């Protein structure tokens, strides 16, 4: 699974020149991976605490399910339009 790399945002307002933003999300992925190592250790401790209550499997699977959700955002297009304004968000 490949996470999104770029988010494109286009805002059109009242017959003015549209504002277009390209946000390179791939710059943040090394920081997310570094933070995920710490998060995995924390989740392991929480899973050991939740083991007697039967929630350990849910705690261990939560980061993997979150990663799958983030990767599923790739290719999504959100188009919101009103009478005078329009916002278009594309995730690649």
Protein backbone atom coordinates (compact mmCIF):
# COMPACT_ATOMS: atom_id res chain seq x y z
CA UNK A 1 0.00 0.00 0.00
CA UNK A 2 1.30 3.41 -0.99
CA UNK A 3 0.33 6.52 1.01
CA UNK A 4 -0.71 9.76 -0.71
CA UNK A 5 2.15 11.91 -2.00
CA UNK A 6 0.51 15.19 -3.06
CA UNK A 7 -2.68 17.03 -2.14
CA UNK A 8 -4.03 19.56 -4.63
CA UNK A 9 -6.47 22.22 -3.41
CA UNK A 10 -8.24 24.61 -5.77
CA UNK A 11 -10.47 27.43 -4.47
CA UNK A 12 -12.60 29.48 -6.88
CA UNK A 13 -14.27 32.58 -5.45
CA UNK A 14 -16.76 34.98 -7.06
CA UNK A 15 -15.30 35.16 -10.59
CA UNK A 16 -11.82 35.85 -9.27
CA UNK A 17 -8.68 34.06 -10.27
CA UNK A 18 -8.70 30.62 -8.59
CA UNK A 19 -6.23 29.86 -5.81
CA UNK A 20 -4.36 26.61 -6.40
CA UNK A 21 -2.21 24.95 -3.75
CA UNK A 22 -0.05 21.87 -4.16
CA UNK A 23 0.89 20.36 -0.82
CA UNK A 24 3.70 17.78 -0.96
CA UNK A 25 2.61 15.31 1.72
CA UNK A 26 5.51 12.95 0.98
CA UNK A 27 7.82 15.30 2.92
CA UNK A 28 6.06 14.36 6.16
CA UNK A 29 6.23 10.56 5.70
CA UNK A 30 9.77 10.14 7.16
CA UNK A 31 8.60 11.98 10.29
CA UNK A 32 5.52 9.78 10.47
CA UNK A 33 7.64 6.63 10.18
CA UNK A 34 9.98 7.84 12.93
CA UNK A 35 7.01 8.63 15.17
CA UNK A 36 5.43 5.25 14.39
CA UNK A 37 8.38 3.42 16.00
CA UNK A 38 7.66 5.21 19.27
CA UNK A 39 3.93 4.63 18.77
CA UNK A 40 4.43 0.88 18.28
CA UNK A 41 6.33 0.59 21.56
CA UNK A 42 3.58 2.51 23.31
CA UNK A 43 0.88 0.33 21.72
CA UNK A 44 2.72 -2.80 22.86
CA UNK A 45 2.69 -1.57 26.46
CA UNK A 46 -0.99 -0.68 26.20
CA UNK A 47 -1.76 -4.09 24.68
CA UNK A 48 -0.02 -5.82 27.59
CA UNK A 49 -2.13 -3.78 30.01
CA UNK A 50 -5.34 -4.59 28.09
CA UNK A 51 -4.52 -8.29 27.72
CA UNK A 52 -6.58 -9.42 30.75
CA UNK A 53 -9.62 -7.50 29.46
CA UNK A 54 -9.54 -9.00 25.95
CA UNK A 55 -8.74 -5.78 24.04
CA UNK A 56 -5.10 -6.56 23.19
CA UNK A 57 -5.85 -7.65 19.60
CA UNK A 58 -7.78 -4.44 18.90
CA UNK A 59 -4.97 -2.30 20.32
CA UNK A 60 -2.32 -4.12 18.26
CA UNK A 61 -4.34 -3.88 15.02
CA UNK A 62 -5.26 -0.18 15.41
CA UNK A 63 -2.05 1.28 13.85
CA UNK A 64 -2.23 -1.12 10.89
CA UNK A 65 -5.88 -0.29 10.26
CA UNK A 66 -5.09 3.43 10.48
CA UNK A 67 -2.28 3.00 7.94
CA UNK A 68 -4.68 1.18 5.61
CA UNK A 69 -7.17 4.04 5.94
CA UNK A 70 -4.49 6.63 5.13
CA UNK A 71 -3.38 4.65 2.06
CA UNK A 72 -7.01 4.33 0.92
CA UNK A 73 -7.23 8.13 0.68
CA UNK A 74 -5.07 8.04 -2.44
CA UNK A 75 -7.21 8.94 -5.45
CA UNK A 76 -10.03 10.61 -3.55
CA UNK A 77 -11.59 13.74 -5.04
CA UNK A 78 -13.74 16.11 -2.97
CA UNK A 79 -15.70 18.70 -4.96
CA UNK A 80 -17.79 21.19 -3.00
CA UNK A 81 -19.61 23.90 -4.92
CA UNK A 82 -22.00 26.66 -4.00
CA UNK A 83 -23.59 29.50 -5.93
CA UNK A 84 -20.41 31.58 -6.16
CA UNK A 85 -17.66 29.47 -4.62
CA UNK A 86 -16.13 26.12 -5.43
CA UNK A 87 -13.51 24.02 -3.62
CA UNK A 88 -11.81 21.04 -5.24
CA UNK A 89 -9.48 18.76 -3.25
CA UNK A 90 -7.54 15.94 -4.93
CA UNK A 91 -5.32 13.46 -3.09
CA UNK A 92 -2.64 11.66 -5.16
